[in-house]
Amino acid sequence: MLLIRAIVRPEKKDEVLAELSSAGFNAATMVDVVGRGKQKGIRIGGMVYDEIPKTLILMVIPEDAKDKVIKMILSVAKTGTEGTFGDGKIFVSPVDEVYTISKGIAGL
């Protein structure tokens, strides 16, 4: 199993979730976050905004679904056809164990 952490623009969240759900990936956790990338925020006139709002989408998926899920997120979360700074990042990590609290059992 893999943990997908996708940081996307808040206005792209619903579109990303709808695309994933249409392919059968319904389980996700969303968290509103703020942060900045390597550009150190956005400068507008004399003001620097270094806490940019994003949405963090967390999903645990089977390893064989990784390429499909990443491709879907990349295609939907991108701004325009070329993408732009601030579109987000995707992080992939292994998951060793999962427990369902209500049942007290291991596994999805």
PDB file of N, CA and C in Angstrom:
ATOM      1  N   MET A   1       0.835  -1.179   0.000  1.00  0.00           N
ATOM      2  CA  MET A   1       0.000   0.000   0.000  1.00  0.00           C
ATOM      3  C   MET A   1       0.880   1.242   0.000  1.00  0.00           C
ATOM      4  N   LEU A   2       0.325   2.312  -0.534  1.00  0.00           N
ATOM      5  CA  LEU A   2       1.043   3.581  -0.621  1.00  0.00           C
ATOM      6  C   LEU A   2       0.180   4.710  -0.074  1.00  0.00           C
ATOM      7  N   LEU A   3       0.832   5.681   0.540  1.00  0.00           N
ATOM      8  CA  LEU A   3       0.170   6.907   0.971  1.00  0.00           C
ATOM      9  C   LEU A   3       0.475   7.979  -0.061  1.00  0.00           C
ATOM     10  N   ILE A   4      -0.576   8.533  -0.649  1.00  0.00           N
ATOM     11  CA  ILE A   4      -0.451   9.648  -1.586  1.00  0.00           C
ATOM     12  C   ILE A   4      -0.812  10.918  -0.829  1.00  0.00           C
ATOM     13  N   ARG A   5       0.103  11.881  -0.841  1.00  0.00           N
ATOM     14  CA  ARG A   5      -0.159  13.205  -0.269  1.00  0.00           C
ATOM     15  C   ARG A   5      -0.074  14.194  -1.421  1.00  0.00           C
ATOM     16  N   ALA A   6      -1.210  14.690  -1.833  1.00  0.00           N
ATOM     17  CA  ALA A   6      -1.267  15.642  -2.942  1.00  0.00           C
ATOM     18  C   ALA A   6      -1.626  17.014  -2.393  1.00  0.00           C
ATOM     19  N   ILE A   7      -0.749  17.982  -2.643  1.00  0.00           N
ATOM     20  CA  ILE A   7      -1.003  19.371  -2.247  1.00  0.00           C
ATOM     21  C   ILE A   7      -1.443  20.094  -3.506  1.00  0.00           C
ATOM     22  N   VAL A   8      -2.695  20.571  -3.509  1.00  0.00           N
ATOM     23  CA  VAL A   8      -3.270  21.185  -4.712  1.00  0.00           C
ATOM     24  C   VAL A   8      -3.880  22.536  -4.368  1.00  0.00           C
ATOM     25  N   ARG A   9      -4.123  23.310  -5.407  1.00  0.00           N
ATOM     26  CA  ARG A   9      -4.829  24.581  -5.222  1.00  0.00           C
ATOM     27  C   ARG A   9      -6.238  24.281  -4.690  1.00  0.00           C
ATOM     28  N   PRO A  10      -6.742  25.090  -3.745  1.00  0.00           N
ATOM     29  CA  PRO A  10      -8.074  24.826  -3.184  1.00  0.00           C
ATOM     30  C   PRO A  10      -9.175  24.775  -4.241  1.00  0.00           C
ATOM     31  N   GLU A  11      -9.047  25.586  -5.274  1.00  0.00           N
ATOM     32  CA  GLU A  11     -10.092  25.599  -6.314  1.00  0.00           C
ATOM     33  C   GLU A  11     -10.049  24.355  -7.193  1.00  0.00           C
ATOM     34  N   LYS A  12      -9.008  23.540  -7.081  1.00  0.00           N
ATOM     35  CA  LYS A  12      -8.894  22.303  -7.852  1.00  0.00           C
ATOM     36  C   LYS A  12      -9.325  21.070  -7.053  1.00  0.00           C
ATOM     37  N   LYS A  13      -9.531  21.233  -5.750  1.00  0.00           N
ATOM     38  CA  LYS A  13      -9.841  20.105  -4.873  1.00  0.00           C
ATOM     39  C   LYS A  13     -11.030  19.291  -5.349  1.00  0.00           C
ATOM     40  N   ASP A  14     -12.166  19.928  -5.580  1.00  0.00           N
ATOM     41  CA  ASP A  14     -13.381  19.203  -5.956  1.00  0.00           C
ATOM     42  C   ASP A  14     -13.215  18.477  -7.285  1.00  0.00           C
ATOM     43  N   GLU A  15     -12.536  19.098  -8.223  1.00  0.00           N
ATOM     44  CA  GLU A  15     -12.307  18.483  -9.526  1.00  0.00           C
ATOM     45  C   GLU A  15     -11.398  17.253  -9.403  1.00  0.00           C
ATOM     46  N   VAL A  16     -10.353  17.360  -8.590  1.00  0.00           N
ATOM     47  CA  VAL A  16      -9.445  16.225  -8.369  1.00  0.00           C
ATOM     48  C   VAL A  16     -10.204  15.085  -7.701  1.00  0.00           C
ATOM     49  N   LEU A  17     -10.968  15.390  -6.656  1.00  0.00           N
ATOM     50  CA  LEU A  17     -11.717  14.357  -5.942  1.00  0.00           C
ATOM     51  C   LEU A  17     -12.757  13.690  -6.835  1.00  0.00           C
ATOM     52  N   ALA A  18     -13.424  14.465  -7.687  1.00  0.00           N
ATOM     53  CA  ALA A  18     -14.412  13.895  -8.604  1.00  0.00           C
ATOM     54  C   ALA A  18     -13.759  12.943  -9.603  1.00  0.00           C
ATOM     55  N   GLU A  19     -12.600  13.328 -10.113  1.00  0.00           N
ATOM     56  CA  GLU A  19     -11.874  12.479 -11.062  1.00  0.00           C
ATOM     57  C   GLU A  19     -11.446  11.169 -10.395  1.00  0.00           C
ATOM     58  N   LEU A  20     -10.903  11.261  -9.201  1.00  0.00           N
ATOM     59  CA  LEU A  20     -10.480  10.060  -8.476  1.00  0.00           C
ATOM     60  C   LEU A  20     -11.670   9.170  -8.152  1.00  0.00           C
ATOM     61  N   SER A  21     -12.755   9.771  -7.711  1.00  0.00           N
ATOM     62  CA  SER A  21     -13.960   9.015  -7.366  1.00  0.00           C
ATOM     63  C   SER A  21     -14.543   8.298  -8.581  1.00  0.00           C
ATOM     64  N   SER A  22     -14.501   8.948  -9.741  1.00  0.00           N
ATOM     65  CA  SER A  22     -15.042   8.324 -10.955  1.00  0.00           C
ATOM     66  C   SER A  22     -14.254   7.080 -11.354  1.00  0.00           C
ATOM     67  N   ALA A  23     -13.010   6.974 -10.861  1.00  0.00           N
ATOM     68  CA  ALA A  23     -12.179   5.803 -11.150  1.00  0.00           C
ATOM     69  C   ALA A  23     -12.199   4.800  -9.991  1.00  0.00           C
ATOM     70  N   GLY A  24     -13.054   5.049  -8.984  1.00  0.00           N
ATOM     71  CA  GLY A  24     -13.193   4.111  -7.882  1.00  0.00           C
ATOM     72  C   GLY A  24     -12.344   4.408  -6.665  1.00  0.00           C
ATOM     73  N   PHE A  25     -11.647   5.529  -6.661  1.00  0.00           N
ATOM     74  CA  PHE A  25     -10.828   5.919  -5.512  1.00  0.00           C
ATOM     75  C   PHE A  25     -11.618   6.935  -4.687  1.00  0.00           C
ATOM     76  N   ASN A  26     -12.507   6.436  -3.844  1.00  0.00           N
ATOM     77  CA  ASN A  26     -13.438   7.292  -3.106  1.00  0.00           C
ATOM     78  C   ASN A  26     -12.906   7.762  -1.765  1.00  0.00           C
ATOM     79  N   ALA A  27     -12.044   6.974  -1.127  1.00  0.00           N
ATOM     80  CA  ALA A  27     -11.583   7.290   0.221  1.00  0.00           C
ATOM     81  C   ALA A  27     -10.459   8.320   0.176  1.00  0.00           C
ATOM     82  N   ALA A  28     -10.673   9.439   0.845  1.00  0.00           N
ATOM     83  CA  ALA A  28      -9.659  10.491   0.890  1.00  0.00           C
ATOM     84  C   ALA A  28      -9.913  11.354   2.118  1.00  0.00           C
ATOM     85  N   THR A  29      -8.857  11.939   2.617  1.00  0.00           N
ATOM     86  CA  THR A  29      -8.938  12.909   3.700  1.00  0.00           C
ATOM     87  C   THR A  29      -8.423  14.230   3.149  1.00  0.00           C
ATOM     88  N   MET A  30      -9.140  15.312   3.431  1.00  0.00           N
ATOM     89  CA  MET A  30      -8.741  16.636   2.952  1.00  0.00           C
ATOM     90  C   MET A  30      -8.469  17.545   4.134  1.00  0.00           C
ATOM     91  N   VAL A  31      -7.411  18.335   4.017  1.00  0.00           N
ATOM     92  CA  VAL A  31      -7.037  19.282   5.058  1.00  0.00           C
ATOM     93  C   VAL A  31      -6.675  20.598   4.378  1.00  0.00           C
ATOM     94  N   ASP A  32      -7.240  21.688   4.870  1.00  0.00           N
ATOM     95  CA  ASP A  32      -6.843  23.005   4.384  1.00  0.00           C
ATOM     96  C   ASP A  32      -5.520  23.366   5.054  1.00  0.00           C
ATOM     97  N   VAL A  33      -4.535  23.731   4.246  1.00  0.00           N
ATOM     98  CA  VAL A  33      -3.199  24.046   4.746  1.00  0.00           C
ATOM     99  C   VAL A  33      -2.720  25.358   4.132  1.00  0.00           C
ATOM    100  N   VAL A  34      -1.652  25.905   4.670  1.00  0.00           N
ATOM    101  CA  VAL A  34      -0.986  27.049   4.061  1.00  0.00           C
ATOM    102  C   VAL A  34       0.498  26.721   3.968  1.00  0.00           C
ATOM    103  N   GLY A  35       1.155  27.324   3.010  1.00  0.00           N
ATOM    104  CA  GLY A  35       2.579  27.089   2.853  1.00  0.00           C
ATOM    105  C   GLY A  35       3.121  27.921   1.707  1.00  0.00           C
ATOM    106  N   ARG A  36       4.371  27.624   1.375  1.00  0.00           N
ATOM    107  CA  ARG A  36       4.996  28.319   0.260  1.00  0.00           C
ATOM    108  C   ARG A  36       5.989  27.373  -0.394  1.00  0.00           C
ATOM    109  N   GLY A  37       6.246  27.616  -1.658  1.00  0.00           N
ATOM    110  CA  GLY A  37       7.199  26.811  -2.404  1.00  0.00           C
ATOM    111  C   GLY A  37       8.539  27.510  -2.511  1.00  0.00           C
ATOM    112  N   LYS A  38       9.322  27.068  -3.479  1.00  0.00           N
ATOM    113  CA  LYS A  38      10.670  27.615  -3.619  1.00  0.00           C
ATOM    114  C   LYS A  38      10.684  29.079  -4.036  1.00  0.00           C
ATOM    115  N   GLN A  39       9.539  29.616  -4.519  1.00  0.00           N
ATOM    116  CA  GLN A  39       9.476  31.040  -4.874  1.00  0.00           C
ATOM    117  C   GLN A  39       9.325  31.921  -3.641  1.00  0.00           C
ATOM    118  N   LYS A  40       9.147  31.321  -2.460  1.00  0.00           N
ATOM    119  CA  LYS A  40       9.021  32.034  -1.186  1.00  0.00           C
ATOM    120  C   LYS A  40       7.770  32.891  -1.116  1.00  0.00           C
ATOM    121  N   GLY A  41       6.701  32.459  -1.741  1.00  0.00           N
ATOM    122  CA  GLY A  41       5.445  33.184  -1.680  1.00  0.00           C
ATOM    123  C   GLY A  41       5.191  34.001  -2.938  1.00  0.00           C
ATOM    124  N   ILE A  42       4.253  34.927  -2.808  1.00  0.00           N
ATOM    125  CA  ILE A  42       3.858  35.767  -3.942  1.00  0.00           C
ATOM    126  C   ILE A  42       4.064  37.224  -3.566  1.00  0.00           C
ATOM    127  N   ARG A  43       4.666  37.992  -4.464  1.00  0.00           N
ATOM    128  CA  ARG A  43       4.846  39.431  -4.247  1.00  0.00           C
ATOM    129  C   ARG A  43       3.831  40.170  -5.118  1.00  0.00           C
ATOM    130  N   ILE A  44       3.010  40.993  -4.461  1.00  0.00           N
ATOM    131  CA  ILE A  44       2.050  41.842  -5.161  1.00  0.00           C
ATOM    132  C   ILE A  44       2.309  43.261  -4.703  1.00  0.00           C
ATOM    133  N   GLY A  45       2.871  44.054  -5.599  1.00  0.00           N
ATOM    134  CA  GLY A  45       3.284  45.404  -5.219  1.00  0.00           C
ATOM    135  C   GLY A  45       4.373  45.313  -4.168  1.00  0.00           C
ATOM    136  N   GLY A  46       4.174  45.986  -3.056  1.00  0.00           N
ATOM    137  CA  GLY A  46       5.152  45.947  -1.979  1.00  0.00           C
ATOM    138  C   GLY A  46       4.887  44.868  -0.943  1.00  0.00           C
ATOM    139  N   MET A  47       3.801  44.117  -1.118  1.00  0.00           N
ATOM    140  CA  MET A  47       3.430  43.089  -0.139  1.00  0.00           C
ATOM    141  C   MET A  47       3.914  41.714  -0.581  1.00  0.00           C
ATOM    142  N   VAL A  48       4.392  40.935   0.386  1.00  0.00           N
ATOM    143  CA  VAL A  48       4.771  39.553   0.126  1.00  0.00           C
ATOM    144  C   VAL A  48       3.828  38.659   0.912  1.00  0.00           C
ATOM    145  N   TYR A  49       3.178  37.754   0.205  1.00  0.00           N
ATOM    146  CA  TYR A  49       2.281  36.779   0.824  1.00  0.00           C
ATOM    147  C   TYR A  49       3.004  35.447   0.826  1.00  0.00           C
ATOM    148  N   ASP A  50       3.458  35.016   2.024  1.00  0.00           N
ATOM    149  CA  ASP A  50       4.238  33.791   2.076  1.00  0.00           C
ATOM    150  C   ASP A  50       3.472  32.616   2.681  1.00  0.00           C
ATOM    151  N   GLU A  51       2.204  32.813   2.972  1.00  0.00           N
ATOM    152  CA  GLU A  51       1.339  31.723   3.412  1.00  0.00           C
ATOM    153  C   GLU A  51       0.214  31.582   2.397  1.00  0.00           C
ATOM    154  N   ILE A  52       0.459  30.719   1.416  1.00  0.00           N
ATOM    155  CA  ILE A  52      -0.484  30.530   0.316  1.00  0.00           C
ATOM    156  C   ILE A  52      -1.430  29.377   0.656  1.00  0.00           C
ATOM    157  N   PRO A  53      -2.757  29.572   0.559  1.00  0.00           N
ATOM    158  CA  PRO A  53      -3.680  28.489   0.881  1.00  0.00           C
ATOM    159  C   PRO A  53      -3.608  27.349  -0.138  1.00  0.00           C
ATOM    160  N   LYS A  54      -3.627  26.129   0.363  1.00  0.00           N
ATOM    161  CA  LYS A  54      -3.640  24.916  -0.455  1.00  0.00           C
ATOM    162  C   LYS A  54      -4.559  23.908   0.213  1.00  0.00           C
ATOM    163  N   THR A  55      -4.828  22.817  -0.469  1.00  0.00           N
ATOM    164  CA  THR A  55      -5.554  21.691   0.109  1.00  0.00           C
ATOM    165  C   THR A  55      -4.661  20.462   0.033  1.00  0.00           C
ATOM    166  N   LEU A  56      -4.547  19.761   1.145  1.00  0.00           N
ATOM    167  CA  LEU A  56      -3.789  18.526   1.207  1.00  0.00           C
ATOM    168  C   LEU A  56      -4.774  17.370   1.114  1.00  0.00           C
ATOM    169  N   ILE A  57      -4.606  16.526   0.102  1.00  0.00           N
ATOM    170  CA  ILE A  57      -5.445  15.339  -0.076  1.00  0.00           C
ATOM    171  C   ILE A  57      -4.599  14.125   0.276  1.00  0.00           C
ATOM    172  N   LEU A  58      -5.084  13.332   1.216  1.00  0.00           N
ATOM    173  CA  LEU A  58      -4.390  12.119   1.660  1.00  0.00           C
ATOM    174  C   LEU A  58      -5.194  10.899   1.229  1.00  0.00           C
ATOM    175  N   MET A  59      -4.502   9.920   0.642  1.00  0.00           N
ATOM    176  CA  MET A  59      -5.157   8.688   0.199  1.00  0.00           C
ATOM    177  C   MET A  59      -4.216   7.512   0.398  1.00  0.00           C
ATOM    178  N   VAL A  60      -4.754   6.374   0.792  1.00  0.00           N
ATOM    179  CA  VAL A  60      -3.992   5.132   0.817  1.00  0.00           C
ATOM    180  C   VAL A  60      -4.529   4.275  -0.326  1.00  0.00           C
ATOM    181  N   ILE A  61      -3.614   3.848  -1.184  1.00  0.00           N
ATOM    182  CA  ILE A  61      -4.004   3.112  -2.390  1.00  0.00           C
ATOM    183  C   ILE A  61      -3.131   1.866  -2.536  1.00  0.00           C
ATOM    184  N   PRO A  62      -3.598   0.890  -3.338  1.00  0.00           N
ATOM    185  CA  PRO A  62      -2.735  -0.258  -3.649  1.00  0.00           C
ATOM    186  C   PRO A  62      -1.559   0.200  -4.510  1.00  0.00           C
ATOM    187  N   GLU A  63      -0.423  -0.472  -4.362  1.00  0.00           N
ATOM    188  CA  GLU A  63       0.770  -0.089  -5.119  1.00  0.00           C
ATOM    189  C   GLU A  63       0.548  -0.122  -6.628  1.00  0.00           C
ATOM    190  N   ASP A  64      -0.259  -1.069  -7.101  1.00  0.00           N
ATOM    191  CA  ASP A  64      -0.459  -1.179  -8.548  1.00  0.00           C
ATOM    192  C   ASP A  64      -1.330  -0.063  -9.124  1.00  0.00           C
ATOM    193  N   ALA A  65      -1.920   0.770  -8.255  1.00  0.00           N
ATOM    194  CA  ALA A  65      -2.750   1.896  -8.720  1.00  0.00           C
ATOM    195  C   ALA A  65      -1.963   3.206  -8.759  1.00  0.00           C
ATOM    196  N   LYS A  66      -0.711   3.178  -8.335  1.00  0.00           N
ATOM    197  CA  LYS A  66       0.079   4.408  -8.191  1.00  0.00           C
ATOM    198  C   LYS A  66       0.122   5.238  -9.474  1.00  0.00           C
ATOM    199  N   ASP A  67       0.532   4.649 -10.581  1.00  0.00           N
ATOM    200  CA  ASP A  67       0.678   5.410 -11.821  1.00  0.00           C
ATOM    201  C   ASP A  67      -0.644   6.016 -12.273  1.00  0.00           C
ATOM    202  N   LYS A  68      -1.732   5.257 -12.135  1.00  0.00           N
ATOM    203  CA  LYS A  68      -3.059   5.742 -12.545  1.00  0.00           C
ATOM    204  C   LYS A  68      -3.489   6.932 -11.693  1.00  0.00           C
ATOM    205  N   VAL A  69      -3.335   6.814 -10.378  1.00  0.00           N
ATOM    206  CA  VAL A  69      -3.761   7.877  -9.469  1.00  0.00           C
ATOM    207  C   VAL A  69      -2.916   9.133  -9.688  1.00  0.00           C
ATOM    208  N   ILE A  70      -1.618   8.973  -9.791  1.00  0.00           N
ATOM    209  CA  ILE A  70      -0.744  10.133 -10.004  1.00  0.00           C
ATOM    210  C   ILE A  70      -1.068  10.818 -11.324  1.00  0.00           C
ATOM    211  N   LYS A  71      -1.269  10.046 -12.363  1.00  0.00           N
ATOM    212  CA  LYS A  71      -1.605  10.628 -13.672  1.00  0.00           C
ATOM    213  C   LYS A  71      -2.912  11.426 -13.597  1.00  0.00           C
ATOM    214  N   MET A  72      -3.906  10.902 -12.883  1.00  0.00           N
ATOM    215  CA  MET A  72      -5.187  11.614 -12.747  1.00  0.00           C
ATOM    216  C   MET A  72      -4.998  12.925 -11.995  1.00  0.00           C
ATOM    217  N   ILE A  73      -4.276  12.892 -10.884  1.00  0.00           N
ATOM    218  CA  ILE A  73      -4.065  14.117 -10.102  1.00  0.00           C
ATOM    219  C   ILE A  73      -3.291  15.140 -10.922  1.00  0.00           C
ATOM    220  N   LEU A  74      -2.226  14.697 -11.586  1.00  0.00           N
ATOM    221  CA  LEU A  74      -1.426  15.624 -12.395  1.00  0.00           C
ATOM    222  C   LEU A  74      -2.257  16.287 -13.487  1.00  0.00           C
ATOM    223  N   SER A  75      -3.110  15.520 -14.143  1.00  0.00           N
ATOM    224  CA  SER A  75      -3.866  16.077 -15.271  1.00  0.00           C
ATOM    225  C   SER A  75      -4.951  17.056 -14.814  1.00  0.00           C
ATOM    226  N   VAL A  76      -5.561  16.793 -13.665  1.00  0.00           N
ATOM    227  CA  VAL A  76      -6.674  17.637 -13.213  1.00  0.00           C
ATOM    228  C   VAL A  76      -6.198  18.827 -12.380  1.00  0.00           C
ATOM    229  N   ALA A  77      -5.143  18.667 -11.593  1.00  0.00           N
ATOM    230  CA  ALA A  77      -4.704  19.736 -10.695  1.00  0.00           C
ATOM    231  C   ALA A  77      -3.891  20.814 -11.400  1.00  0.00           C
ATOM    232  N   LYS A  78      -3.439  20.519 -12.606  1.00  0.00           N
ATOM    233  CA  LYS A  78      -2.629  21.481 -13.362  1.00  0.00           C
ATOM    234  C   LYS A  78      -3.471  22.668 -13.809  1.00  0.00           C
ATOM    235  N   THR A  79      -2.901  23.869 -13.724  1.00  0.00           N
ATOM    236  CA  THR A  79      -3.562  25.082 -14.184  1.00  0.00           C
ATOM    237  C   THR A  79      -3.306  25.242 -15.686  1.00  0.00           C
ATOM    238  N   GLY A  80      -4.363  25.307 -16.468  1.00  0.00           N
ATOM    239  CA  GLY A  80      -4.223  25.444 -17.922  1.00  0.00           C
ATOM    240  C   GLY A  80      -3.590  24.207 -18.534  1.00  0.00           C
ATOM    241  N   THR A  81      -3.064  24.337 -19.741  1.00  0.00           N
ATOM    242  CA  THR A  81      -2.457  23.188 -20.409  1.00  0.00           C
ATOM    243  C   THR A  81      -0.984  23.009 -20.056  1.00  0.00           C
ATOM    244  N   GLU A  82      -0.336  24.088 -19.649  1.00  0.00           N
ATOM    245  CA  GLU A  82       1.091  24.030 -19.345  1.00  0.00           C
ATOM    246  C   GLU A  82       1.392  23.948 -17.854  1.00  0.00           C
ATOM    247  N   GLY A  83       0.431  24.306 -17.007  1.00  0.00           N
ATOM    248  CA  GLY A  83       0.689  24.369 -15.584  1.00  0.00           C
ATOM    249  C   GLY A  83       1.424  25.648 -15.227  1.00  0.00           C
ATOM    250  N   THR A  84       1.514  25.921 -13.921  1.00  0.00           N
ATOM    251  CA  THR A  84       2.184  27.129 -13.462  1.00  0.00           C
ATOM    252  C   THR A  84       2.711  26.921 -12.050  1.00  0.00           C
ATOM    253  N   PHE A  85       3.579  27.830 -11.590  1.00  0.00           N
ATOM    254  CA  PHE A  85       4.068  27.764 -10.219  1.00  0.00           C
ATOM    255  C   PHE A  85       2.879  27.755  -9.272  1.00  0.00           C
ATOM    256  N   GLY A  86       2.971  26.970  -8.226  1.00  0.00           N
ATOM    257  CA  GLY A  86       1.900  26.940  -7.226  1.00  0.00           C
ATOM    258  C   GLY A  86       0.834  25.903  -7.485  1.00  0.00           C
ATOM    259  N   ASP A  87       0.977  25.095  -8.544  1.00  0.00           N
ATOM    260  CA  ASP A  87      -0.027  24.055  -8.812  1.00  0.00           C
ATOM    261  C   ASP A  87       0.032  22.932  -7.783  1.00  0.00           C
ATOM    262  N   GLY A  88       1.153  22.760  -7.093  1.00  0.00           N
ATOM    263  CA  GLY A  88       1.222  21.787  -6.013  1.00  0.00           C
ATOM    264  C   GLY A  88       2.289  20.734  -6.190  1.00  0.00           C
ATOM    265  N   LYS A  89       2.231  19.734  -5.331  1.00  0.00           N
ATOM    266  CA  LYS A  89       3.178  18.629  -5.308  1.00  0.00           C
ATOM    267  C   LYS A  89       2.428  17.353  -4.962  1.00  0.00           C
ATOM    268  N   ILE A  90       3.029  16.221  -5.335  1.00  0.00           N
ATOM    269  CA  ILE A  90       2.516  14.913  -4.934  1.00  0.00           C
ATOM    270  C   ILE A  90       3.670  14.161  -4.278  1.00  0.00           C
ATOM    271  N   PHE A  91       3.419  13.634  -3.098  1.00  0.00           N
ATOM    272  CA  PHE A  91       4.405  12.836  -2.374  1.00  0.00           C
ATOM    273  C   PHE A  91       3.865  11.418  -2.235  1.00  0.00           C
ATOM    274  N   VAL A  92       4.715  10.425  -2.428  1.00  0.00           N
ATOM    275  CA  VAL A  92       4.321   9.021  -2.336  1.00  0.00           C
ATOM    276  C   VAL A  92       5.199   8.355  -1.284  1.00  0.00           C
ATOM    277  N   SER A  93       4.553   7.675  -0.329  1.00  0.00           N
ATOM    278  CA  SER A  93       5.271   6.985   0.742  1.00  0.00           C
ATOM    279  C   SER A  93       4.684   5.599   0.945  1.00  0.00           C
ATOM    280  N   PRO A  94       5.519   4.649   1.363  1.00  0.00           N
ATOM    281  CA  PRO A  94       4.990   3.314   1.661  1.00  0.00           C
ATOM    282  C   PRO A  94       4.164   3.331   2.945  1.00  0.00           C
ATOM    283  N   VAL A  95       3.176   2.438   3.016  1.00  0.00           N
ATOM    284  CA  VAL A  95       2.353   2.248   4.214  1.00  0.00           C
ATOM    285  C   VAL A  95       2.560   0.803   4.662  1.00  0.00           C
ATOM    286  N   ASP A  96       3.059   0.633   5.866  1.00  0.00           N
ATOM    287  CA  ASP A  96       3.347  -0.707   6.362  1.00  0.00           C
ATOM    288  C   ASP A  96       2.128  -1.397   6.958  1.00  0.00           C
ATOM    289  N   GLU A  97       1.300  -0.637   7.659  1.00  0.00           N
ATOM    290  CA  GLU A  97       0.141  -1.230   8.320  1.00  0.00           C
ATOM    291  C   GLU A  97      -1.022  -0.245   8.320  1.00  0.00           C
ATOM    292  N   VAL A  98      -2.237  -0.791   8.314  1.00  0.00           N
ATOM    293  CA  VAL A  98      -3.462  -0.001   8.409  1.00  0.00           C
ATOM    294  C   VAL A  98      -4.407  -0.752   9.343  1.00  0.00           C
ATOM    295  N   TYR A  99      -5.058  -0.018  10.232  1.00  0.00           N
ATOM    296  CA  TYR A  99      -6.020  -0.625  11.146  1.00  0.00           C
ATOM    297  C   TYR A  99      -7.339   0.124  11.045  1.00  0.00           C
ATOM    298  N   THR A 100      -8.441  -0.615  11.002  1.00  0.00           N
ATOM    299  CA  THR A 100      -9.767  -0.019  11.046  1.00  0.00           C
ATOM    300  C   THR A 100     -10.205   0.032  12.507  1.00  0.00           C
ATOM    301  N   ILE A 101     -10.383   1.230  13.017  1.00  0.00           N
ATOM    302  CA  ILE A 101     -10.656   1.408  14.437  1.00  0.00           C
ATOM    303  C   ILE A 101     -11.970   0.742  14.848  1.00  0.00           C
ATOM    304  N   SER A 102     -13.040   0.931  14.079  1.00  0.00           N
ATOM    305  CA  SER A 102     -14.340   0.403  14.474  1.00  0.00           C
ATOM    306  C   SER A 102     -14.360  -1.122  14.585  1.00  0.00           C
ATOM    307  N   LYS A 103     -13.613  -1.794  13.736  1.00  0.00           N
ATOM    308  CA  LYS A 103     -13.594  -3.255  13.735  1.00  0.00           C
ATOM    309  C   LYS A 103     -12.411  -3.813  14.525  1.00  0.00           C
ATOM    310  N   GLY A 104     -11.393  -2.975  14.749  1.00  0.00           N
ATOM    311  CA  GLY A 104     -10.216  -3.425  15.467  1.00  0.00           C
ATOM    312  C   GLY A 104      -9.372  -4.417  14.686  1.00  0.00           C
ATOM    313  N   ILE A 105      -9.442  -4.317  13.357  1.00  0.00           N
ATOM    314  CA  ILE A 105      -8.707  -5.278  12.536  1.00  0.00           C
ATOM    315  C   ILE A 105      -7.701  -4.568  11.628  1.00  0.00           C
ATOM    316  N   ALA A 106      -6.700  -5.316  11.205  1.00  0.00           N
ATOM    317  CA  ALA A 106      -5.698  -4.785  10.293  1.00  0.00           C
ATOM    318  C   ALA A 106      -6.204  -4.905   8.869  1.00  0.00           C
ATOM    319  N   GLY A 107      -5.786  -3.976   8.015  1.00  0.00           N
ATOM    320  CA  GLY A 107      -6.144  -4.012   6.590  1.00  0.00           C
ATOM    321  C   GLY A 107      -7.179  -2.980   6.224  1.00  0.00           C
ATOM    322  N   LEU A 108      -7.282  -2.758   4.932  1.00  0.00           N
ATOM    323  CA  LEU A 108      -8.262  -1.799   4.430  1.00  0.00           C
ATOM    324  C   LEU A 108      -9.572  -2.490   4.403  1.00  0.00           C
TER     325      LEU A 108
END
